[in-house]
């Protein structure tokens, strides 16, 4: 797991107790199935979340994020899986870097 603090450019915000929601978008179905995940922390450059599935490292996946009840419309992100760690009782903890977002919060250096 490669997540050294000195490589992080953005502050991480603890989301484990926040009223946020995160879904992995399962492609291949016209109705876009949404699989719930648990958002653990969030920054301008990425996120850490818990999932029941082991997602492939270096692969980009689509997600939807709802940050609070005050912002009822979820936004979409494309996130590259950077690391993952299996947890005995809770599936996987996964770190991902944002590649694209429908919400205008990524600076030019994050848009690749």
N, C-alpha and C. Protein backbone atom coordinates (compact mmCIF):
# COMPACT_ATOMS: atom_id res chain seq x y z
N UNK A 1 0.85 -1.17 0.00
CA UNK A 1 0.00 0.00 0.00
C UNK A 1 0.89 1.23 0.00
N UNK A 2 0.78 2.04 -1.04
CA UNK A 2 1.62 3.21 -1.18
C UNK A 2 0.80 4.46 -0.93
N UNK A 3 0.84 4.95 0.30
CA UNK A 3 0.04 6.13 0.64
C UNK A 3 0.79 7.05 1.59
N UNK A 4 2.07 7.27 1.35
CA UNK A 4 2.87 8.08 2.26
C UNK A 4 2.34 9.51 2.30
N UNK A 5 2.33 10.09 3.50
CA UNK A 5 1.79 11.42 3.70
C UNK A 5 2.52 12.48 2.88
N UNK A 6 3.83 12.29 2.66
CA UNK A 6 4.59 13.32 1.94
C UNK A 6 4.20 13.36 0.47
N UNK A 7 3.50 12.38 -0.07
CA UNK A 7 3.08 12.38 -1.46
C UNK A 7 1.72 13.05 -1.61
N UNK A 8 1.02 13.31 -0.54
CA UNK A 8 -0.31 13.91 -0.61
C UNK A 8 -0.19 15.41 -0.77
N UNK A 9 -0.87 15.94 -1.78
CA UNK A 9 -0.85 17.38 -2.02
C UNK A 9 -2.02 18.09 -1.38
N UNK A 10 -3.06 17.35 -1.03
CA UNK A 10 -4.28 17.98 -0.54
C UNK A 10 -4.66 17.44 0.83
N UNK A 11 -5.28 18.29 1.62
CA UNK A 11 -5.76 17.91 2.94
C UNK A 11 -6.87 16.88 2.81
N UNK A 12 -6.83 15.88 3.68
CA UNK A 12 -7.88 14.85 3.72
C UNK A 12 -8.92 15.26 4.74
N UNK A 13 -10.19 15.10 4.37
CA UNK A 13 -11.30 15.41 5.27
C UNK A 13 -11.99 14.10 5.65
N UNK A 14 -12.11 13.87 6.94
CA UNK A 14 -12.75 12.65 7.45
C UNK A 14 -14.24 12.69 7.11
N UNK A 15 -14.70 11.70 6.38
CA UNK A 15 -16.10 11.65 5.97
C UNK A 15 -16.84 10.47 6.60
N UNK A 16 -16.17 9.76 7.50
CA UNK A 16 -16.76 8.53 8.05
C UNK A 16 -18.05 8.77 8.82
N UNK A 17 -18.22 9.94 9.43
CA UNK A 17 -19.45 10.24 10.17
C UNK A 17 -20.31 11.29 9.47
N UNK A 18 -19.90 11.72 8.30
CA UNK A 18 -20.65 12.74 7.57
C UNK A 18 -21.86 12.11 6.86
N UNK A 19 -22.89 12.90 6.59
CA UNK A 19 -24.07 12.36 5.90
C UNK A 19 -23.84 12.28 4.39
N UNK A 20 -22.72 11.71 3.99
CA UNK A 20 -22.38 11.60 2.57
C UNK A 20 -22.72 10.20 2.06
N UNK A 21 -22.80 10.09 0.74
CA UNK A 21 -23.07 8.80 0.12
C UNK A 21 -22.15 8.63 -1.08
N UNK A 22 -21.73 7.38 -1.33
CA UNK A 22 -20.85 7.06 -2.44
C UNK A 22 -21.36 5.79 -3.10
N UNK A 23 -21.40 5.80 -4.43
CA UNK A 23 -21.82 4.63 -5.19
C UNK A 23 -20.84 4.34 -6.30
N UNK A 24 -20.51 3.07 -6.49
CA UNK A 24 -19.77 2.62 -7.65
C UNK A 24 -20.80 2.38 -8.75
N UNK A 25 -20.57 2.96 -9.93
CA UNK A 25 -21.49 2.80 -11.05
C UNK A 25 -21.09 1.55 -11.82
N UNK A 26 -21.97 0.57 -11.82
CA UNK A 26 -21.71 -0.67 -12.55
C UNK A 26 -22.11 -0.48 -14.00
N UNK A 27 -21.13 -0.45 -14.88
CA UNK A 27 -21.39 -0.23 -16.30
C UNK A 27 -21.92 -1.49 -16.97
N UNK A 28 -22.37 -1.35 -18.18
CA UNK A 28 -22.83 -2.48 -18.95
C UNK A 28 -24.34 -2.63 -18.94
N UNK A 29 -25.01 -1.92 -18.07
CA UNK A 29 -26.46 -1.98 -18.00
C UNK A 29 -26.99 -0.59 -18.34
N UNK A 30 -28.01 -0.50 -19.20
CA UNK A 30 -28.51 0.82 -19.58
C UNK A 30 -29.01 1.65 -18.40
N UNK A 31 -29.43 1.01 -17.33
CA UNK A 31 -29.97 1.76 -16.19
C UNK A 31 -28.90 2.12 -15.16
N UNK A 32 -27.63 1.85 -15.45
CA UNK A 32 -26.54 2.18 -14.53
C UNK A 32 -26.83 1.75 -13.09
N UNK A 33 -26.53 0.53 -12.78
CA UNK A 33 -26.69 0.00 -11.43
C UNK A 33 -25.74 0.75 -10.49
N UNK A 34 -26.20 1.10 -9.32
CA UNK A 34 -25.38 1.79 -8.33
C UNK A 34 -25.11 0.86 -7.16
N UNK A 35 -23.85 0.64 -6.87
CA UNK A 35 -23.46 -0.22 -5.76
C UNK A 35 -22.95 0.66 -4.62
N UNK A 36 -23.58 0.63 -3.45
CA UNK A 36 -23.16 1.49 -2.36
C UNK A 36 -21.77 1.14 -1.83
N UNK A 37 -21.00 2.17 -1.54
CA UNK A 37 -19.70 2.07 -0.87
C UNK A 37 -19.76 3.03 0.31
N UNK A 38 -18.77 3.00 1.18
CA UNK A 38 -18.76 3.92 2.33
C UNK A 38 -17.57 4.86 2.20
N UNK A 39 -17.84 6.15 2.06
CA UNK A 39 -16.81 7.16 1.93
C UNK A 39 -16.13 7.37 3.28
N UNK A 40 -14.81 7.18 3.33
CA UNK A 40 -14.06 7.32 4.59
C UNK A 40 -13.37 8.67 4.70
N UNK A 41 -12.68 9.08 3.63
CA UNK A 41 -12.11 10.42 3.61
C UNK A 41 -12.07 10.93 2.18
N UNK A 42 -11.91 12.25 2.06
CA UNK A 42 -12.03 12.91 0.77
C UNK A 42 -11.06 14.08 0.72
N UNK A 43 -10.47 14.30 -0.43
CA UNK A 43 -9.66 15.49 -0.67
C UNK A 43 -9.99 16.00 -2.06
N UNK A 44 -9.36 17.11 -2.46
CA UNK A 44 -9.58 17.61 -3.81
C UNK A 44 -9.01 16.67 -4.85
N UNK A 45 -8.04 15.83 -4.48
CA UNK A 45 -7.39 14.96 -5.43
C UNK A 45 -7.85 13.52 -5.42
N UNK A 46 -8.61 13.09 -4.39
CA UNK A 46 -9.01 11.69 -4.35
C UNK A 46 -9.85 11.36 -3.14
N UNK A 47 -10.01 10.06 -2.92
CA UNK A 47 -10.86 9.61 -1.82
C UNK A 47 -10.39 8.25 -1.33
N UNK A 48 -10.81 7.92 -0.12
CA UNK A 48 -10.61 6.60 0.46
C UNK A 48 -12.00 6.10 0.82
N UNK A 49 -12.28 4.84 0.50
CA UNK A 49 -13.62 4.31 0.74
C UNK A 49 -13.56 2.83 1.05
N UNK A 50 -14.64 2.33 1.62
CA UNK A 50 -14.79 0.91 1.91
C UNK A 50 -15.73 0.31 0.88
N UNK A 51 -15.37 -0.89 0.41
CA UNK A 51 -16.17 -1.57 -0.60
C UNK A 51 -16.19 -3.07 -0.30
N UNK A 52 -17.25 -3.71 -0.73
CA UNK A 52 -17.31 -5.17 -0.58
C UNK A 52 -16.56 -5.87 -1.71
N UNK A 53 -16.14 -5.13 -2.72
CA UNK A 53 -15.44 -5.70 -3.87
C UNK A 53 -14.00 -5.20 -3.96
N UNK A 54 -13.11 -6.07 -4.40
CA UNK A 54 -11.72 -5.68 -4.67
C UNK A 54 -11.67 -5.11 -6.07
N UNK A 55 -11.48 -3.81 -6.19
CA UNK A 55 -11.39 -3.17 -7.50
C UNK A 55 -9.95 -3.25 -8.00
N UNK A 56 -9.78 -3.34 -9.30
CA UNK A 56 -8.46 -3.49 -9.90
C UNK A 56 -7.63 -2.21 -9.78
N UNK A 57 -6.41 -2.37 -9.28
CA UNK A 57 -5.49 -1.23 -9.18
C UNK A 57 -5.14 -0.73 -10.57
N UNK A 58 -4.97 0.58 -10.68
CA UNK A 58 -4.63 1.30 -11.91
C UNK A 58 -5.78 1.37 -12.91
N UNK A 59 -6.93 0.83 -12.57
CA UNK A 59 -8.10 0.91 -13.44
C UNK A 59 -8.96 2.10 -13.00
N UNK A 60 -9.60 2.76 -13.96
CA UNK A 60 -10.47 3.90 -13.68
C UNK A 60 -11.92 3.43 -13.63
N UNK A 61 -12.61 3.82 -12.57
CA UNK A 61 -14.01 3.43 -12.35
C UNK A 61 -14.88 4.68 -12.21
N UNK A 62 -16.14 4.59 -12.62
CA UNK A 62 -17.08 5.70 -12.41
C UNK A 62 -17.76 5.59 -11.04
N UNK A 63 -17.90 6.72 -10.37
CA UNK A 63 -18.58 6.80 -9.08
C UNK A 63 -19.55 7.97 -9.08
N UNK A 64 -20.50 7.91 -8.17
CA UNK A 64 -21.37 9.06 -7.88
C UNK A 64 -21.20 9.37 -6.40
N UNK A 65 -21.13 10.66 -6.10
CA UNK A 65 -20.91 11.12 -4.72
C UNK A 65 -21.98 12.15 -4.36
N UNK A 66 -22.56 11.99 -3.18
CA UNK A 66 -23.47 12.98 -2.60
C UNK A 66 -22.84 13.39 -1.28
N UNK A 67 -22.44 14.65 -1.16
CA UNK A 67 -21.69 15.08 0.02
C UNK A 67 -22.55 15.40 1.23
N UNK A 68 -23.78 15.86 1.02
CA UNK A 68 -24.63 16.18 2.17
C UNK A 68 -26.09 16.22 1.73
N UNK A 69 -26.96 16.29 2.72
CA UNK A 69 -28.38 16.41 2.43
C UNK A 69 -28.71 17.79 1.86
N UNK A 70 -27.84 18.78 2.08
CA UNK A 70 -28.07 20.13 1.57
C UNK A 70 -27.85 20.20 0.06
N UNK A 71 -27.07 19.27 -0.48
CA UNK A 71 -26.80 19.21 -1.92
C UNK A 71 -27.42 17.91 -2.43
N UNK A 72 -28.70 17.94 -2.81
CA UNK A 72 -29.42 16.69 -3.10
C UNK A 72 -28.96 15.96 -4.36
N UNK A 73 -28.30 16.64 -5.28
CA UNK A 73 -27.90 16.00 -6.53
C UNK A 73 -26.49 15.45 -6.44
N UNK A 74 -26.35 14.13 -6.60
CA UNK A 74 -25.01 13.55 -6.62
C UNK A 74 -24.25 14.01 -7.86
N UNK A 75 -22.94 14.06 -7.76
CA UNK A 75 -22.12 14.37 -8.93
C UNK A 75 -21.31 13.14 -9.28
N UNK A 76 -20.78 13.13 -10.48
CA UNK A 76 -20.05 11.97 -10.99
C UNK A 76 -18.55 12.24 -11.02
N UNK A 77 -17.77 11.22 -10.72
CA UNK A 77 -16.31 11.29 -10.85
C UNK A 77 -15.81 10.02 -11.53
N UNK A 78 -14.69 10.16 -12.18
CA UNK A 78 -13.92 9.02 -12.68
C UNK A 78 -12.71 8.95 -11.77
N UNK A 79 -12.45 7.81 -11.14
CA UNK A 79 -11.36 7.70 -10.17
C UNK A 79 -10.51 6.47 -10.47
N UNK A 80 -9.20 6.68 -10.44
CA UNK A 80 -8.24 5.60 -10.65
C UNK A 80 -7.88 4.97 -9.32
N UNK A 81 -8.00 3.65 -9.23
CA UNK A 81 -7.68 2.93 -7.99
C UNK A 81 -6.17 2.92 -7.84
N UNK A 82 -5.69 3.49 -6.72
CA UNK A 82 -4.24 3.59 -6.48
C UNK A 82 -3.73 2.52 -5.53
N UNK A 83 -4.55 2.14 -4.55
CA UNK A 83 -4.16 1.09 -3.60
C UNK A 83 -5.42 0.46 -3.02
N UNK A 84 -5.24 -0.71 -2.46
CA UNK A 84 -6.35 -1.40 -1.80
C UNK A 84 -5.78 -2.30 -0.71
N UNK A 85 -6.58 -2.48 0.33
CA UNK A 85 -6.18 -3.31 1.46
C UNK A 85 -7.39 -4.11 1.92
N UNK A 86 -7.23 -5.41 2.01
CA UNK A 86 -8.35 -6.25 2.44
C UNK A 86 -8.47 -6.21 3.96
N UNK A 87 -9.71 -6.04 4.42
CA UNK A 87 -10.02 -6.03 5.84
C UNK A 87 -10.82 -7.28 6.16
N UNK A 88 -10.48 -7.94 7.23
CA UNK A 88 -11.12 -9.22 7.58
C UNK A 88 -12.62 -9.11 7.73
N UNK A 89 -13.09 -8.05 8.40
CA UNK A 89 -14.51 -7.97 8.70
C UNK A 89 -15.31 -7.04 7.79
N UNK A 90 -14.64 -6.23 6.97
CA UNK A 90 -15.39 -5.23 6.23
C UNK A 90 -15.07 -5.16 4.73
N UNK A 91 -14.55 -6.20 4.15
CA UNK A 91 -14.26 -6.16 2.73
C UNK A 91 -12.94 -5.48 2.43
N UNK A 92 -12.98 -4.40 1.67
CA UNK A 92 -11.77 -3.72 1.21
C UNK A 92 -11.80 -2.24 1.57
N UNK A 93 -10.63 -1.69 1.89
CA UNK A 93 -10.44 -0.25 2.00
C UNK A 93 -9.60 0.13 0.78
N UNK A 94 -10.06 1.13 0.04
CA UNK A 94 -9.48 1.45 -1.26
C UNK A 94 -9.20 2.94 -1.36
N UNK A 95 -8.04 3.29 -1.92
CA UNK A 95 -7.68 4.67 -2.20
C UNK A 95 -7.74 4.93 -3.69
N UNK A 96 -8.33 6.05 -4.08
CA UNK A 96 -8.49 6.37 -5.50
C UNK A 96 -8.16 7.84 -5.76
N UNK A 97 -7.58 8.12 -6.91
CA UNK A 97 -7.27 9.48 -7.35
C UNK A 97 -8.29 9.90 -8.40
N UNK A 98 -8.82 11.11 -8.26
CA UNK A 98 -9.80 11.61 -9.22
C UNK A 98 -9.13 11.93 -10.55
N UNK A 99 -9.78 11.55 -11.63
CA UNK A 99 -9.31 11.85 -12.99
C UNK A 99 -10.23 12.84 -13.69
N UNK A 100 -11.54 12.74 -13.42
CA UNK A 100 -12.53 13.65 -13.99
C UNK A 100 -13.65 13.83 -12.98
N UNK A 101 -14.33 14.98 -13.07
CA UNK A 101 -15.44 15.23 -12.17
C UNK A 101 -16.45 16.13 -12.85
N UNK A 102 -17.73 15.90 -12.59
CA UNK A 102 -18.77 16.79 -13.11
C UNK A 102 -18.94 18.01 -12.21
N UNK A 103 -18.32 17.99 -11.03
CA UNK A 103 -18.34 19.13 -10.13
C UNK A 103 -17.03 19.87 -10.32
N UNK A 104 -17.08 21.19 -10.45
CA UNK A 104 -15.89 21.97 -10.75
C UNK A 104 -15.01 22.23 -9.55
N UNK A 105 -14.43 21.20 -9.00
CA UNK A 105 -13.58 21.39 -7.83
C UNK A 105 -12.14 21.01 -8.08
N UNK A 106 -11.83 20.38 -9.22
CA UNK A 106 -10.47 19.98 -9.52
C UNK A 106 -9.74 21.11 -10.23
N UNK A 107 -8.54 21.42 -9.77
CA UNK A 107 -7.71 22.42 -10.42
C UNK A 107 -7.09 21.87 -11.69
N UNK A 108 -6.44 22.72 -12.50
CA UNK A 108 -5.87 22.28 -13.78
C UNK A 108 -4.83 21.18 -13.63
N UNK A 109 -4.08 21.19 -12.52
CA UNK A 109 -3.05 20.15 -12.35
C UNK A 109 -3.65 18.78 -12.07
N UNK A 110 -4.92 18.71 -11.64
CA UNK A 110 -5.55 17.43 -11.39
C UNK A 110 -6.26 16.91 -12.64
N UNK A 111 -6.57 17.76 -13.58
CA UNK A 111 -7.26 17.32 -14.80
C UNK A 111 -6.23 16.82 -15.80
N UNK A 112 -6.28 15.54 -16.07
CA UNK A 112 -5.32 14.97 -17.02
C UNK A 112 -6.04 14.36 -18.18
